Amino acid sequence: QVQLVESGGGLVQPGGSLRLSCVASGFSFSTSAMSWYRQAPGEVRDFVASSFNGGRSTNYASSVKGRFTISRDNAKNTVYLEMNSLKPEDTGVYYCNAQTSSYYDYWGQGTQVTVSS
C-alpha cells in the first residue's frame, strides 16, 4: 500500500521559513522522482520542485528558484522542501508527488501553508 504523508505546514509571516516533509512507503523511493506541487484557492495545482536521479538532479519553478530547496534522504524514504523568504503568494496546499520508474503516479493528502501577517 502506497502512502505519502506530508507534514510541516502552518502559518508564517512574510519573509519567514518553513520546512515540509513527506514520508513515503509502499514503493521504491530511491528510484522514484519526488516532487512538490501546490494549489492556491481557486487555482490549478502547480509544480514547485522536483528531485530525481536518486537526488542527483533537481528542478524548480521559476517563482521559487533561489528561495526553496528540495532534498531527500533515501535511507529514510523522505523528501523535504525548505522554504525561505516566503511570500503571501506562496500560500496554498502543498502536495507531495511520487513518480515511479514504471510511471505510476502517487499523491499525498497535502499540507496547508499560509503566509500572512
C-alpha atoms as a PDB file:
ATOM      1  CA  GLN A   1       0.000   0.000   0.000  1.00  0.00           C
ATOM      2  CA  VAL A   2       1.480   3.297  -1.132  1.00  0.00           C
ATOM      3  CA  GLN A   3       1.474   6.166   1.314  1.00  0.00           C
ATOM      4  CA  LEU A   4       2.785   9.701   1.115  1.00  0.00           C
ATOM      5  CA  VAL A   5       2.386  11.651   4.342  1.00  0.00           C
ATOM      6  CA  GLU A   6       3.202  15.347   4.354  1.00  0.00           C
ATOM      7  CA  SER A   7       3.846  17.468   7.425  1.00  0.00           C
ATOM      8  CA  GLY A   8       5.356  20.795   8.415  1.00  0.00           C
ATOM      9  CA  GLY A   9       2.794  23.232   7.073  1.00  0.00           C
ATOM     10  CA  GLY A  10       1.441  26.122   9.077  1.00  0.00           C
ATOM     11  CA  LEU A  11       1.024  29.867   9.367  1.00  0.00           C
ATOM     12  CA  VAL A  12       4.107  32.011   8.828  1.00  0.00           C
ATOM     13  CA  GLN A  13       4.745  35.701   8.357  1.00  0.00           C
ATOM     14  CA  PRO A  14       6.073  37.068   5.063  1.00  0.00           C
ATOM     15  CA  GLY A  15       9.832  36.626   4.946  1.00  0.00           C
ATOM     16  CA  GLY A  16       9.664  33.607   7.215  1.00  0.00           C
ATOM     17  CA  SER A  17      10.652  29.996   6.649  1.00  0.00           C
ATOM     18  CA  LEU A  18       9.064  26.562   6.805  1.00  0.00           C
ATOM     19  CA  ARG A  19      10.305  23.051   6.171  1.00  0.00           C
ATOM     20  CA  LEU A  20       7.921  20.497   4.724  1.00  0.00           C
ATOM     21  CA  SER A  21       8.491  16.759   4.965  1.00  0.00           C
ATOM     22  CA  CYS A  22       6.962  13.857   3.064  1.00  0.00           C
ATOM     23  CA  VAL A  23       7.455  10.316   4.312  1.00  0.00           C
ATOM     24  CA  ALA A  24       6.874   7.656   1.675  1.00  0.00           C
ATOM     25  CA  SER A  25       6.176   3.951   1.841  1.00  0.00           C
ATOM     26  CA  GLY A  26       4.974   1.113  -0.374  1.00  0.00           C
ATOM     27  CA  PHE A  27       7.156   1.723  -3.454  1.00  0.00           C
ATOM     28  CA  SER A  28      10.801   2.085  -4.437  1.00  0.00           C
ATOM     29  CA  PHE A  29      11.581   5.546  -3.125  1.00  0.00           C
ATOM     30  CA  SER A  30      15.216   5.819  -4.218  1.00  0.00           C
ATOM     31  CA  THR A  31      14.413   5.140  -7.880  1.00  0.00           C
ATOM     32  CA  SER A  32      11.384   7.449  -7.986  1.00  0.00           C
ATOM     33  CA  ALA A  33      11.174  11.098  -8.903  1.00  0.00           C
ATOM     34  CA  MET A  34       9.834  13.022  -5.919  1.00  0.00           C
ATOM     35  CA  SER A  35       8.176  16.381  -6.381  1.00  0.00           C
ATOM     36  CA  TRP A  36       6.267  19.071  -4.585  1.00  0.00           C
ATOM     37  CA  TYR A  37       3.234  20.814  -6.031  1.00  0.00           C
ATOM     38  CA  ARG A  38       0.987  23.461  -4.574  1.00  0.00           C
ATOM     39  CA  GLN A  39      -2.575  24.593  -5.098  1.00  0.00           C
ATOM     40  CA  ALA A  40      -3.866  28.014  -4.140  1.00  0.00           C
ATOM     41  CA  PRO A  41      -7.600  28.521  -3.532  1.00  0.00           C
ATOM     42  CA  GLY A  42      -9.462  28.548  -6.841  1.00  0.00           C
ATOM     43  CA  GLU A  43      -6.320  27.725  -8.807  1.00  0.00           C
ATOM     44  CA  VAL A  44      -4.915  24.668 -10.534  1.00  0.00           C
ATOM     45  CA  ARG A  45      -2.237  22.569  -8.911  1.00  0.00           C
ATOM     46  CA  ASP A  46       1.184  23.919  -9.921  1.00  0.00           C
ATOM     47  CA  PHE A  47       4.633  22.373  -9.989  1.00  0.00           C
ATOM     48  CA  VAL A  48       7.046  23.668  -7.331  1.00  0.00           C
ATOM     49  CA  ALA A  49      10.147  21.466  -7.275  1.00  0.00           C
ATOM     50  CA  SER A  50      11.402  18.015  -8.219  1.00  0.00           C
ATOM     51  CA  SER A  51      14.211  15.695  -7.158  1.00  0.00           C
ATOM     52  CA  PHE A  52      15.160  12.848  -9.493  1.00  0.00           C
ATOM     53  CA  ASN A  53      18.057  10.590 -10.468  1.00  0.00           C
ATOM     54  CA  GLY A  54      18.161   9.487  -6.846  1.00  0.00           C
ATOM     55  CA  GLY A  55      18.548  13.077  -5.718  1.00  0.00           C
ATOM     56  CA  ARG A  56      21.425  13.982  -8.017  1.00  0.00           C
ATOM     57  CA  SER A  57      19.198  16.264 -10.074  1.00  0.00           C
ATOM     58  CA  THR A  58      16.672  18.916  -9.107  1.00  0.00           C
ATOM     59  CA  ASN A  59      14.320  21.260 -10.897  1.00  0.00           C
ATOM     60  CA  TYR A  60      12.384  24.290  -9.661  1.00  0.00           C
ATOM     61  CA  ALA A  61       9.566  26.520 -10.773  1.00  0.00           C
ATOM     62  CA  SER A  62      10.910  29.963 -11.637  1.00  0.00           C
ATOM     63  CA  SER A  63       8.740  31.533  -8.934  1.00  0.00           C
ATOM     64  CA  VAL A  64      10.552  29.660  -6.146  1.00  0.00           C
ATOM     65  CA  LYS A  65      14.077  29.318  -7.539  1.00  0.00           C
ATOM     66  CA  GLY A  66      16.614  30.689  -5.080  1.00  0.00           C
ATOM     67  CA  ARG A  67      14.146  30.593  -2.182  1.00  0.00           C
ATOM     68  CA  PHE A  68      13.096  26.930  -1.970  1.00  0.00           C
ATOM     69  CA  THR A  69      15.308  23.864  -1.764  1.00  0.00           C
ATOM     70  CA  ILE A  70      14.180  20.285  -2.339  1.00  0.00           C
ATOM     71  CA  SER A  71      16.202  17.490  -0.804  1.00  0.00           C
ATOM     72  CA  ARG A  72      15.724  13.827   0.023  1.00  0.00           C
ATOM     73  CA  ASP A  73      17.004  11.153   2.353  1.00  0.00           C
ATOM     74  CA  ASN A  74      16.709   7.841   0.548  1.00  0.00           C
ATOM     75  CA  ALA A  75      17.563   5.915   3.715  1.00  0.00           C
ATOM     76  CA  LYS A  76      14.539   7.467   5.449  1.00  0.00           C
ATOM     77  CA  ASN A  77      12.241   7.466   2.380  1.00  0.00           C
ATOM     78  CA  THR A  78      11.686  11.159   2.991  1.00  0.00           C
ATOM     79  CA  VAL A  79      11.674  14.209   0.760  1.00  0.00           C
ATOM     80  CA  TYR A  80      11.887  17.738   2.128  1.00  0.00           C
ATOM     81  CA  LEU A  81      11.061  21.207   0.910  1.00  0.00           C
ATOM     82  CA  GLU A  82      12.914  24.015   2.664  1.00  0.00           C
ATOM     83  CA  MET A  83      11.063  27.267   2.017  1.00  0.00           C
ATOM     84  CA  ASN A  84      12.722  30.605   2.794  1.00  0.00           C
ATOM     85  CA  SER A  85      11.751  34.237   2.163  1.00  0.00           C
ATOM     86  CA  LEU A  86       8.126  33.193   1.994  1.00  0.00           C
ATOM     87  CA  LYS A  87       5.642  35.472   0.262  1.00  0.00           C
ATOM     88  CA  PRO A  88       1.844  35.684   0.529  1.00  0.00           C
ATOM     89  CA  GLU A  89       1.625  34.222  -2.975  1.00  0.00           C
ATOM     90  CA  ASP A  90       3.275  31.044  -1.674  1.00  0.00           C
ATOM     91  CA  THR A  91       0.076  30.314   0.247  1.00  0.00           C
ATOM     92  CA  GLY A  92      -1.667  27.081  -0.683  1.00  0.00           C
ATOM     93  CA  VAL A  93      -1.925  23.387  -0.056  1.00  0.00           C
ATOM     94  CA  TYR A  94       1.391  21.688  -0.735  1.00  0.00           C
ATOM     95  CA  TYR A  95       1.285  18.162  -2.117  1.00  0.00           C
ATOM     96  CA  CYS A  96       3.982  15.540  -2.292  1.00  0.00           C
ATOM     97  CA  ASN A  97       4.128  13.541  -5.539  1.00  0.00           C
ATOM     98  CA  ALA A  98       5.961  10.376  -6.454  1.00  0.00           C
ATOM     99  CA  GLN A  99       6.502   9.129  -9.978  1.00  0.00           C
ATOM    100  CA  THR A 100       7.988   5.652 -10.058  1.00  0.00           C
ATOM    101  CA  SER A 101      10.311   4.207 -12.685  1.00  0.00           C
ATOM    102  CA  SER A 102       7.244   2.398 -14.059  1.00  0.00           C
ATOM    103  CA  TYR A 103       5.497   5.785 -14.370  1.00  0.00           C
ATOM    104  CA  TYR A 104       2.958   5.190 -11.614  1.00  0.00           C
ATOM    105  CA  ASP A 105       1.901   8.476 -10.045  1.00  0.00           C
ATOM    106  CA  TYR A 106       1.072   8.884  -6.356  1.00  0.00           C
ATOM    107  CA  TRP A 107      -0.064  11.861  -4.277  1.00  0.00           C
ATOM    108  CA  GLY A 108      -0.146  12.739  -0.610  1.00  0.00           C
ATOM    109  CA  GLN A 109      -3.080  14.351   1.157  1.00  0.00           C
ATOM    110  CA  GLY A 110      -1.471  17.796   1.273  1.00  0.00           C
ATOM    111  CA  THR A 111      -0.389  20.206   3.977  1.00  0.00           C
ATOM    112  CA  GLN A 112      -1.588  23.796   4.269  1.00  0.00           C
ATOM    113  CA  VAL A 113       0.903  26.661   4.109  1.00  0.00           C
ATOM    114  CA  THR A 114      -0.382  30.143   4.861  1.00  0.00           C
ATOM    115  CA  VAL A 115       1.871  33.187   4.519  1.00  0.00           C
ATOM    116  CA  SER A 116       0.237  36.183   6.151  1.00  0.00           C
ATOM    117  CA  SER A 117       0.952  38.965   8.589  1.00  0.00           C
END
